Amino acid sequence: MTAQHHEARILVRDEDMVQWLAFDNPDRRNALTYGMVEDALGAVRDFGSDGNSRVLVIAGGGDRAFVSGADISELERRSESADALRRYVAMTTELVDEIRGLAKPTIAMIGGYCFGAGVGLAAACDLRYASDDAVLSIPAAKLGVAYEMSFAEAVVEVVGPSATKEMLFTGRRYDAPEIAHMGFANRIHPRATLLREVTETANEIARNAPLSVRAAKRTVAYLLSGRDERDRLECEALIATCENSADFAEGRAAFAAKRQPVFKGA
C-alpha cells in the first residue's frame, strides 16, 4: 500500500478566547516550508488584531514534533535561486519578530522534536510547556549555517548567554529534564496530559483581565530591554489604564461577591 502524502500547512482554530496555530507537516516532523511560514505570518498578524482571541497557543501537527526546523528538501529545490532562500530566511525571521512583538500572551506547546527554527519560534513565545519526550536542538554548527540574530536573541532572553552558546557551539540534543533545568520550558508534562495542561493554562490566562496581562507583558519586556524612557512611560500608561478600567471595578465587585469575574478588556 502506498503511503498517503500529507500536505504541509498550518491549522488555525479558535476555542473560546484561545486561538490555536499548528504547524502541520507530520510527514517531515513539521519542518517549515515557505508556504507554512508565509501562512503562519498572516495568521499571527490576524491574531494580533483580533479583538476576541486573548491567548495564542502554537503547536505542531501530529504527535512526533513541535517544529523540526526548515524543510531542507524544499530549500534544496529552491537553491537554484539565492533570492528564494533569502526570502525564506527573511520571512522566518519576520515570523519570530511578529510573535515576540505581540501585545497578547503566547504559549508554545512542545511535543517531541523541537529543532533549529522550532527553538527560535518556541523561544519567541511568552511561555513554553513541553512533553516528557521532548528533544531540543539547534544543529546549525553541524550544518555549516548560522542562526539569525532575532532567533538567537529570543533564545538568549529565555536561557541566557551561556546556555545559548552551548546550544549553538555544540549542536547537541537536550532531553526533557535538561530542557527544564536550563529554564527553556516552564513545565514538563507527561505526553498524555500535555494538551490538557496547556489548554487549562491558556484558558486560565484568557479569563484574566486582558489589560492587566498586557501591562505585565510590556513591563517584563521593558525590564529586559535597555529601559528607554519612552518605553517606561508606555508601561506606566498601561498600568494607569488598568487602575482606571471597568475591569478593575469588575474585579473588586467579583471579589466582594465571591464570584468569578467576567473581564471585558476595558
C-alpha atoms as a PDB file:
ATOM      1  CA  MET A   1       0.000   0.000   0.000  1.00  0.00           C
ATOM      2  CA  THR A   2       1.350   3.427  -0.926  1.00  0.00           C
ATOM      3  CA  ALA A   3       1.795   5.799   1.996  1.00  0.00           C
ATOM      4  CA  GLN A   4      -0.508   8.788   1.841  1.00  0.00           C
ATOM      5  CA  HIS A   5       1.293  12.112   1.498  1.00  0.00           C
ATOM      6  CA  HIS A   6       0.240  14.782   3.970  1.00  0.00           C
ATOM      7  CA  GLU A   7       0.207  18.323   2.591  1.00  0.00           C
ATOM      8  CA  ALA A   8       2.307  20.801   4.573  1.00  0.00           C
ATOM      9  CA  ARG A   9       0.071  23.508   6.014  1.00  0.00           C
ATOM     10  CA  ILE A  10      -0.865  25.442   9.114  1.00  0.00           C
ATOM     11  CA  LEU A  11      -4.072  24.848  11.027  1.00  0.00           C
ATOM     12  CA  VAL A  12      -5.826  27.630  12.927  1.00  0.00           C
ATOM     13  CA  ARG A  13      -8.781  27.158  15.229  1.00  0.00           C
ATOM     14  CA  ASP A  14     -10.500  29.212  17.907  1.00  0.00           C
ATOM     15  CA  GLU A  15     -11.676  27.755  21.200  1.00  0.00           C
ATOM     16  CA  ASP A  16     -13.495  30.453  23.146  1.00  0.00           C
ATOM     17  CA  MET A  17     -10.874  33.154  23.786  1.00  0.00           C
ATOM     18  CA  VAL A  18      -7.878  30.965  22.880  1.00  0.00           C
ATOM     19  CA  GLN A  19      -6.557  30.628  19.341  1.00  0.00           C
ATOM     20  CA  TRP A  20      -4.502  27.588  18.331  1.00  0.00           C
ATOM     21  CA  LEU A  21      -1.970  27.648  15.485  1.00  0.00           C
ATOM     22  CA  ALA A  22      -0.426  24.330  14.462  1.00  0.00           C
ATOM     23  CA  PHE A  23       2.452  23.754  12.042  1.00  0.00           C
ATOM     24  CA  ASP A  24       1.132  20.674  10.296  1.00  0.00           C
ATOM     25  CA  ASN A  25       3.706  18.780   8.242  1.00  0.00           C
ATOM     26  CA  PRO A  26       3.886  15.485  10.170  1.00  0.00           C
ATOM     27  CA  ASP A  27       5.488  13.538   7.310  1.00  0.00           C
ATOM     28  CA  ARG A  28       8.567  15.701   7.867  1.00  0.00           C
ATOM     29  CA  ARG A  29       8.221  16.239  11.618  1.00  0.00           C
ATOM     30  CA  ASN A  30       6.598  19.613  10.970  1.00  0.00           C
ATOM     31  CA  ALA A  31       9.572  21.027   9.082  1.00  0.00           C
ATOM     32  CA  LEU A  32       8.728  24.514   7.854  1.00  0.00           C
ATOM     33  CA  THR A  33       8.055  25.124   4.182  1.00  0.00           C
ATOM     34  CA  TYR A  34       7.975  28.590   2.661  1.00  0.00           C
ATOM     35  CA  GLY A  35       4.190  28.397   2.379  1.00  0.00           C
ATOM     36  CA  MET A  36       3.788  27.377   6.029  1.00  0.00           C
ATOM     37  CA  VAL A  37       5.881  30.315   7.205  1.00  0.00           C
ATOM     38  CA  GLU A  38       4.005  32.722   4.948  1.00  0.00           C
ATOM     39  CA  ASP A  39       0.604  31.486   6.152  1.00  0.00           C
ATOM     40  CA  ALA A  40       1.699  31.489   9.800  1.00  0.00           C
ATOM     41  CA  LEU A  41       2.884  35.077   9.498  1.00  0.00           C
ATOM     42  CA  GLY A  42      -0.542  36.111   8.243  1.00  0.00           C
ATOM     43  CA  ALA A  43      -2.277  34.139  10.994  1.00  0.00           C
ATOM     44  CA  VAL A  44      -0.156  35.705  13.743  1.00  0.00           C
ATOM     45  CA  ARG A  45      -0.895  39.180  12.404  1.00  0.00           C
ATOM     46  CA  ASP A  46      -4.609  38.373  12.300  1.00  0.00           C
ATOM     47  CA  PHE A  47      -4.452  37.173  15.906  1.00  0.00           C
ATOM     48  CA  GLY A  48      -2.790  40.411  16.944  1.00  0.00           C
ATOM     49  CA  SER A  49      -5.703  42.446  15.590  1.00  0.00           C
ATOM     50  CA  ASP A  50      -8.446  40.019  16.666  1.00  0.00           C
ATOM     51  CA  GLY A  51     -10.483  41.510  19.487  1.00  0.00           C
ATOM     52  CA  ASN A  52     -11.946  38.159  20.566  1.00  0.00           C
ATOM     53  CA  SER A  53      -8.858  35.958  20.953  1.00  0.00           C
ATOM     54  CA  ARG A  54      -6.787  36.687  24.048  1.00  0.00           C
ATOM     55  CA  VAL A  55      -4.149  33.932  24.006  1.00  0.00           C
ATOM     56  CA  LEU A  56      -2.273  32.248  21.147  1.00  0.00           C
ATOM     57  CA  VAL A  57      -1.040  28.663  21.511  1.00  0.00           C
ATOM     58  CA  ILE A  58       1.497  27.472  18.934  1.00  0.00           C
ATOM     59  CA  ALA A  59       1.901  23.718  18.474  1.00  0.00           C
ATOM     60  CA  GLY A  60       2.928  21.062  15.976  1.00  0.00           C
ATOM     61  CA  GLY A  61       0.717  18.724  13.994  1.00  0.00           C
ATOM     62  CA  GLY A  62       0.745  15.012  14.745  1.00  0.00           C
ATOM     63  CA  ASP A  63       2.483  13.506  17.750  1.00  0.00           C
ATOM     64  CA  ARG A  64       6.179  13.483  16.819  1.00  0.00           C
ATOM     65  CA  ALA A  65       7.326  17.090  16.804  1.00  0.00           C
ATOM     66  CA  PHE A  66       6.739  20.745  17.534  1.00  0.00           C
ATOM     67  CA  VAL A  67       8.852  22.056  14.635  1.00  0.00           C
ATOM     68  CA  SER A  68      11.973  20.244  13.415  1.00  0.00           C
ATOM     69  CA  GLY A  69      13.468  23.231  11.604  1.00  0.00           C
ATOM     70  CA  ALA A  70      13.398  24.209   7.951  1.00  0.00           C
ATOM     71  CA  ASP A  71      12.194  21.817   5.264  1.00  0.00           C
ATOM     72  CA  ILE A  72      15.636  21.111   3.796  1.00  0.00           C
ATOM     73  CA  SER A  73      14.217  19.283   0.780  1.00  0.00           C
ATOM     74  CA  GLU A  74      12.265  22.371  -0.234  1.00  0.00           C
ATOM     75  CA  LEU A  75      15.270  24.614   0.318  1.00  0.00           C
ATOM     76  CA  GLU A  76      17.348  22.360  -1.935  1.00  0.00           C
ATOM     77  CA  ARG A  77      14.728  22.669  -4.671  1.00  0.00           C
ATOM     78  CA  ARG A  78      14.809  26.432  -4.258  1.00  0.00           C
ATOM     79  CA  SER A  79      18.597  26.607  -4.022  1.00  0.00           C
ATOM     80  CA  GLU A  80      18.852  27.495  -7.702  1.00  0.00           C
ATOM     81  CA  SER A  81      17.594  30.891  -6.622  1.00  0.00           C
ATOM     82  CA  ALA A  82      19.566  32.660  -3.902  1.00  0.00           C
ATOM     83  CA  ASP A  83      16.766  35.207  -3.771  1.00  0.00           C
ATOM     84  CA  ALA A  84      14.257  32.493  -2.860  1.00  0.00           C
ATOM     85  CA  LEU A  85      16.446  31.324   0.030  1.00  0.00           C
ATOM     86  CA  ARG A  86      16.916  34.877   1.262  1.00  0.00           C
ATOM     87  CA  ARG A  87      13.162  35.435   1.165  1.00  0.00           C
ATOM     88  CA  TYR A  88      12.603  32.262   3.173  1.00  0.00           C
ATOM     89  CA  VAL A  89      15.097  33.308   5.856  1.00  0.00           C
ATOM     90  CA  ALA A  90      13.736  36.864   5.947  1.00  0.00           C
ATOM     91  CA  MET A  91      10.148  35.666   6.286  1.00  0.00           C
ATOM     92  CA  THR A  92      11.015  33.167   9.037  1.00  0.00           C
ATOM     93  CA  THR A  93      12.845  35.922  10.917  1.00  0.00           C
ATOM     94  CA  GLU A  94       9.844  38.181  10.427  1.00  0.00           C
ATOM     95  CA  LEU A  95       7.604  35.481  11.907  1.00  0.00           C
ATOM     96  CA  VAL A  96       9.762  35.249  15.035  1.00  0.00           C
ATOM     97  CA  ASP A  97       9.754  39.035  15.366  1.00  0.00           C
ATOM     98  CA  GLU A  98       5.978  39.157  14.886  1.00  0.00           C
ATOM     99  CA  ILE A  99       5.398  36.597  17.646  1.00  0.00           C
ATOM    100  CA  ARG A 100       7.766  38.407  20.004  1.00  0.00           C
ATOM    101  CA  GLY A 101       6.065  41.717  19.298  1.00  0.00           C
ATOM    102  CA  LEU A 102       2.521  40.611  20.066  1.00  0.00           C
ATOM    103  CA  ALA A 103       0.849  42.547  22.873  1.00  0.00           C
ATOM    104  CA  LYS A 104      -1.152  39.462  23.837  1.00  0.00           C
ATOM    105  CA  PRO A 105       0.316  36.364  25.545  1.00  0.00           C
ATOM    106  CA  THR A 106       1.622  33.393  23.584  1.00  0.00           C
ATOM    107  CA  ILE A 107       2.317  29.785  24.557  1.00  0.00           C
ATOM    108  CA  ALA A 108       4.440  27.161  22.798  1.00  0.00           C
ATOM    109  CA  MET A 109       3.236  23.579  23.324  1.00  0.00           C
ATOM    110  CA  ILE A 110       6.334  21.500  22.593  1.00  0.00           C
ATOM    111  CA  GLY A 111       5.626  17.849  21.940  1.00  0.00           C
ATOM    112  CA  GLY A 112       8.564  15.765  20.706  1.00  0.00           C
ATOM    113  CA  TYR A 113      11.248  17.253  18.470  1.00  0.00           C
ATOM    114  CA  CYS A 114      11.988  20.980  18.626  1.00  0.00           C
ATOM    115  CA  PHE A 115      14.950  21.686  16.345  1.00  0.00           C
ATOM    116  CA  GLY A 116      16.505  24.706  14.679  1.00  0.00           C
ATOM    117  CA  ALA A 117      13.864  27.250  13.735  1.00  0.00           C
ATOM    118  CA  GLY A 118      11.481  25.458  16.095  1.00  0.00           C
ATOM    119  CA  VAL A 119      13.667  26.512  19.031  1.00  0.00           C
ATOM    120  CA  GLY A 120      13.540  30.127  17.869  1.00  0.00           C
ATOM    121  CA  LEU A 121       9.764  30.032  17.439  1.00  0.00           C
ATOM    122  CA  ALA A 122       9.250  28.478  20.876  1.00  0.00           C
ATOM    123  CA  ALA A 123      11.629  30.988  22.463  1.00  0.00           C
ATOM    124  CA  ALA A 124       9.680  33.832  20.835  1.00  0.00           C
ATOM    125  CA  CYS A 125       6.611  32.803  22.847  1.00  0.00           C
ATOM    126  CA  ASP A 126       5.999  34.036  26.383  1.00  0.00           C
ATOM    127  CA  LEU A 127       5.556  30.575  27.911  1.00  0.00           C
ATOM    128  CA  ARG A 128       6.744  27.107  26.914  1.00  0.00           C
ATOM    129  CA  TYR A 129       5.332  23.767  28.073  1.00  0.00           C
ATOM    130  CA  ALA A 130       6.991  20.573  26.874  1.00  0.00           C
ATOM    131  CA  SER A 131       6.222  16.866  26.855  1.00  0.00           C
ATOM    132  CA  ASP A 132       8.377  14.430  28.791  1.00  0.00           C
ATOM    133  CA  ASP A 133       9.690  13.066  25.481  1.00  0.00           C
ATOM    134  CA  ALA A 134      10.655  16.487  24.098  1.00  0.00           C
ATOM    135  CA  VAL A 135      14.058  16.874  22.442  1.00  0.00           C
ATOM    136  CA  LEU A 136      15.652  20.275  21.852  1.00  0.00           C
ATOM    137  CA  SER A 137      18.495  21.053  19.452  1.00  0.00           C
ATOM    138  CA  ILE A 138      19.993  23.819  17.334  1.00  0.00           C
ATOM    139  CA  PRO A 139      22.203  21.886  14.863  1.00  0.00           C
ATOM    140  CA  ALA A 140      23.370  24.973  12.945  1.00  0.00           C
ATOM    141  CA  ALA A 141      27.082  24.334  13.595  1.00  0.00           C
ATOM    142  CA  LYS A 142      26.704  20.769  12.303  1.00  0.00           C
ATOM    143  CA  LEU A 143      25.221  22.091   9.046  1.00  0.00           C
ATOM    144  CA  GLY A 144      27.606  24.975   8.483  1.00  0.00           C
ATOM    145  CA  VAL A 145      24.989  27.683   8.876  1.00  0.00           C
ATOM    146  CA  ALA A 146      24.478  30.452  11.426  1.00  0.00           C
ATOM    147  CA  TYR A 147      21.419  31.295  13.469  1.00  0.00           C
ATOM    148  CA  GLU A 148      19.667  34.550  12.602  1.00  0.00           C
ATOM    149  CA  MET A 149      20.098  37.332  15.188  1.00  0.00           C
ATOM    150  CA  SER A 150      16.387  37.551  16.041  1.00  0.00           C
ATOM    151  CA  PHE A 151      16.329  33.805  16.722  1.00  0.00           C
ATOM    152  CA  ALA A 152      19.460  33.951  18.873  1.00  0.00           C
ATOM    153  CA  GLU A 153      18.178  36.963  20.790  1.00  0.00           C
ATOM    154  CA  ALA A 154      14.926  35.179  21.590  1.00  0.00           C
ATOM    155  CA  VAL A 155      16.815  32.150  22.940  1.00  0.00           C
ATOM    156  CA  VAL A 156      19.233  34.303  24.966  1.00  0.00           C
ATOM    157  CA  GLU A 157      16.283  36.037  26.630  1.00  0.00           C
ATOM    158  CA  VAL A 158      14.938  32.656  27.745  1.00  0.00           C
ATOM    159  CA  VAL A 159      18.032  30.676  28.835  1.00  0.00           C
ATOM    160  CA  GLY A 160      20.789  33.296  28.999  1.00  0.00           C
ATOM    161  CA  PRO A 161      24.009  33.691  27.000  1.00  0.00           C
ATOM    162  CA  SER A 162      25.986  30.746  28.378  1.00  0.00           C
ATOM    163  CA  ALA A 163      23.343  28.085  27.677  1.00  0.00           C
ATOM    164  CA  THR A 164      22.643  29.629  24.276  1.00  0.00           C
ATOM    165  CA  LYS A 165      26.324  29.449  23.359  1.00  0.00           C
ATOM    166  CA  GLU A 166      26.497  25.796  24.397  1.00  0.00           C
ATOM    167  CA  MET A 167      23.471  25.009  22.235  1.00  0.00           C
ATOM    168  CA  LEU A 168      24.908  26.887  19.246  1.00  0.00           C
ATOM    169  CA  PHE A 169      28.519  25.719  19.628  1.00  0.00           C
ATOM    170  CA  THR A 170      27.802  22.021  20.150  1.00  0.00           C
ATOM    171  CA  GLY A 171      24.563  21.406  18.254  1.00  0.00           C
ATOM    172  CA  ARG A 172      23.831  18.725  20.850  1.00  0.00           C
ATOM    173  CA  ARG A 173      20.393  17.356  21.744  1.00  0.00           C
ATOM    174  CA  TYR A 174      18.786  18.096  25.096  1.00  0.00           C
ATOM    175  CA  ASP A 175      16.153  15.837  26.672  1.00  0.00           C
ATOM    176  CA  ALA A 176      13.168  16.981  28.724  1.00  0.00           C
ATOM    177  CA  PRO A 177      14.908  17.143  32.144  1.00  0.00           C
ATOM    178  CA  GLU A 178      17.721  19.186  30.607  1.00  0.00           C
ATOM    179  CA  ILE A 179      15.217  21.467  28.875  1.00  0.00           C
ATOM    180  CA  ALA A 180      13.580  22.134  32.231  1.00  0.00           C
ATOM    181  CA  HIS A 181      16.909  22.567  34.031  1.00  0.00           C
ATOM    182  CA  MET A 182      18.132  25.233  31.620  1.00  0.00           C
ATOM    183  CA  GLY A 183      14.834  27.088  32.050  1.00  0.00           C
ATOM    184  CA  PHE A 184      13.647  26.758  28.476  1.00  0.00           C
ATOM    185  CA  ALA A 185      10.370  25.097  29.485  1.00  0.00           C
ATOM    186  CA  ASN A 186       8.136  26.490  32.216  1.00  0.00           C
ATOM    187  CA  ARG A 187       7.000  22.946  32.971  1.00  0.00           C
ATOM    188  CA  ILE A 188       7.388  19.415  31.643  1.00  0.00           C
ATOM    189  CA  HIS A 189       4.193  17.360  31.399  1.00  0.00           C
ATOM    190  CA  PRO A 190       3.623  13.697  30.530  1.00  0.00           C
ATOM    191  CA  ARG A 191       2.845  13.388  26.826  1.00  0.00           C
ATOM    192  CA  ALA A 192      -0.656  12.067  27.621  1.00  0.00           C
ATOM    193  CA  THR A 193      -1.590  15.167  29.638  1.00  0.00           C
ATOM    194  CA  LEU A 194       0.319  17.915  27.780  1.00  0.00           C
ATOM    195  CA  LEU A 195      -2.645  19.090  25.711  1.00  0.00           C
ATOM    196  CA  ARG A 196      -4.963  19.183  28.713  1.00  0.00           C
ATOM    197  CA  GLU A 197      -2.456  21.064  30.872  1.00  0.00           C
ATOM    198  CA  VAL A 198      -1.710  23.653  28.179  1.00  0.00           C
ATOM    199  CA  THR A 199      -5.409  24.107  27.444  1.00  0.00           C
ATOM    200  CA  GLU A 200      -6.133  24.736  31.128  1.00  0.00           C
ATOM    201  CA  THR A 201      -3.290  27.244  31.412  1.00  0.00           C
ATOM    202  CA  ALA A 202      -4.311  29.076  28.230  1.00  0.00           C
ATOM    203  CA  ASN A 203      -7.911  29.305  29.394  1.00  0.00           C
ATOM    204  CA  GLU A 204      -6.832  30.498  32.844  1.00  0.00           C
ATOM    205  CA  ILE A 205      -4.855  33.343  31.266  1.00  0.00           C
ATOM    206  CA  ALA A 206      -7.682  34.151  28.840  1.00  0.00           C
ATOM    207  CA  ARG A 207     -10.147  34.514  31.722  1.00  0.00           C
ATOM    208  CA  ASN A 208      -7.936  37.051  33.483  1.00  0.00           C
ATOM    209  CA  ALA A 209      -8.093  40.799  32.833  1.00  0.00           C
ATOM    210  CA  PRO A 210      -6.581  41.434  29.366  1.00  0.00           C
ATOM    211  CA  LEU A 211      -5.352  44.901  30.292  1.00  0.00           C
ATOM    212  CA  SER A 212      -3.516  43.521  33.326  1.00  0.00           C
ATOM    213  CA  VAL A 213      -1.919  40.740  31.290  1.00  0.00           C
ATOM    214  CA  ARG A 214      -0.870  43.187  28.584  1.00  0.00           C
ATOM    215  CA  ALA A 215       0.649  45.569  31.138  1.00  0.00           C
ATOM    216  CA  ALA A 216       2.549  42.687  32.779  1.00  0.00           C
ATOM    217  CA  LYS A 217       3.939  41.508  29.431  1.00  0.00           C
ATOM    218  CA  ARG A 218       5.016  45.001  28.435  1.00  0.00           C
ATOM    219  CA  THR A 219       6.601  45.666  31.832  1.00  0.00           C
ATOM    220  CA  VAL A 220       8.691  42.478  31.718  1.00  0.00           C
ATOM    221  CA  ALA A 221       9.822  43.369  28.182  1.00  0.00           C
ATOM    222  CA  TYR A 222      10.844  46.812  29.411  1.00  0.00           C
ATOM    223  CA  LEU A 223      12.804  45.381  32.330  1.00  0.00           C
ATOM    224  CA  LEU A 224      14.732  43.106  29.935  1.00  0.00           C
ATOM    225  CA  SER A 225      15.434  45.919  27.464  1.00  0.00           C
ATOM    226  CA  GLY A 226      17.666  48.974  27.546  1.00  0.00           C
ATOM    227  CA  ARG A 227      14.997  50.700  29.646  1.00  0.00           C
ATOM    228  CA  ASP A 228      14.349  53.545  27.261  1.00  0.00           C
ATOM    229  CA  GLU A 229      12.452  56.455  28.824  1.00  0.00           C
ATOM    230  CA  ARG A 230       9.717  56.249  26.207  1.00  0.00           C
ATOM    231  CA  ASP A 231       9.186  52.557  26.995  1.00  0.00           C
ATOM    232  CA  ARG A 232       8.986  53.337  30.715  1.00  0.00           C
ATOM    233  CA  LEU A 233       6.294  55.937  30.083  1.00  0.00           C
ATOM    234  CA  GLU A 234       4.372  53.422  27.962  1.00  0.00           C
ATOM    235  CA  CYS A 235       4.464  50.885  30.819  1.00  0.00           C
ATOM    236  CA  GLU A 236       3.271  53.486  33.298  1.00  0.00           C
ATOM    237  CA  ALA A 237       0.413  54.429  30.969  1.00  0.00           C
ATOM    238  CA  LEU A 238      -0.660  50.791  30.679  1.00  0.00           C
ATOM    239  CA  ILE A 239      -0.582  50.410  34.469  1.00  0.00           C
ATOM    240  CA  ALA A 240      -2.676  53.561  34.864  1.00  0.00           C
ATOM    241  CA  THR A 241      -5.161  52.262  32.292  1.00  0.00           C
ATOM    242  CA  CYS A 242      -5.678  49.148  34.442  1.00  0.00           C
ATOM    243  CA  GLU A 243      -6.294  51.244  37.558  1.00  0.00           C
ATOM    244  CA  ASN A 244      -8.983  53.269  35.778  1.00  0.00           C
ATOM    245  CA  SER A 245     -10.605  50.377  33.898  1.00  0.00           C
ATOM    246  CA  ALA A 246     -14.050  48.845  34.150  1.00  0.00           C
ATOM    247  CA  ASP A 247     -12.280  45.505  34.586  1.00  0.00           C
ATOM    248  CA  PHE A 248     -10.695  46.756  37.817  1.00  0.00           C
ATOM    249  CA  ALA A 249     -14.165  47.642  39.105  1.00  0.00           C
ATOM    250  CA  GLU A 250     -15.423  44.221  37.994  1.00  0.00           C
ATOM    251  CA  GLY A 251     -12.542  42.509  39.767  1.00  0.00           C
ATOM    252  CA  ARG A 252     -13.306  44.253  43.029  1.00  0.00           C
ATOM    253  CA  ALA A 253     -17.038  43.551  42.724  1.00  0.00           C
ATOM    254  CA  ALA A 254     -16.442  39.881  41.938  1.00  0.00           C
ATOM    255  CA  PHE A 255     -14.068  39.538  44.901  1.00  0.00           C
ATOM    256  CA  ALA A 256     -16.627  41.093  47.246  1.00  0.00           C
ATOM    257  CA  ALA A 257     -19.403  38.872  45.897  1.00  0.00           C
ATOM    258  CA  LYS A 258     -17.156  35.758  45.941  1.00  0.00           C
ATOM    259  CA  ARG A 259     -17.839  35.029  42.274  1.00  0.00           C
ATOM    260  CA  GLN A 260     -15.741  34.635  39.149  1.00  0.00           C
ATOM    261  CA  PRO A 261     -15.074  37.981  37.425  1.00  0.00           C
ATOM    262  CA  VAL A 262     -16.044  38.496  33.795  1.00  0.00           C
ATOM    263  CA  PHE A 263     -13.442  40.753  32.234  1.00  0.00           C
ATOM    264  CA  LYS A 264     -14.121  42.668  29.030  1.00  0.00           C
ATOM    265  CA  GLY A 265     -10.718  44.157  28.389  1.00  0.00           C
ATOM    266  CA  ALA A 266     -11.849  47.713  29.003  1.00  0.00           C
END
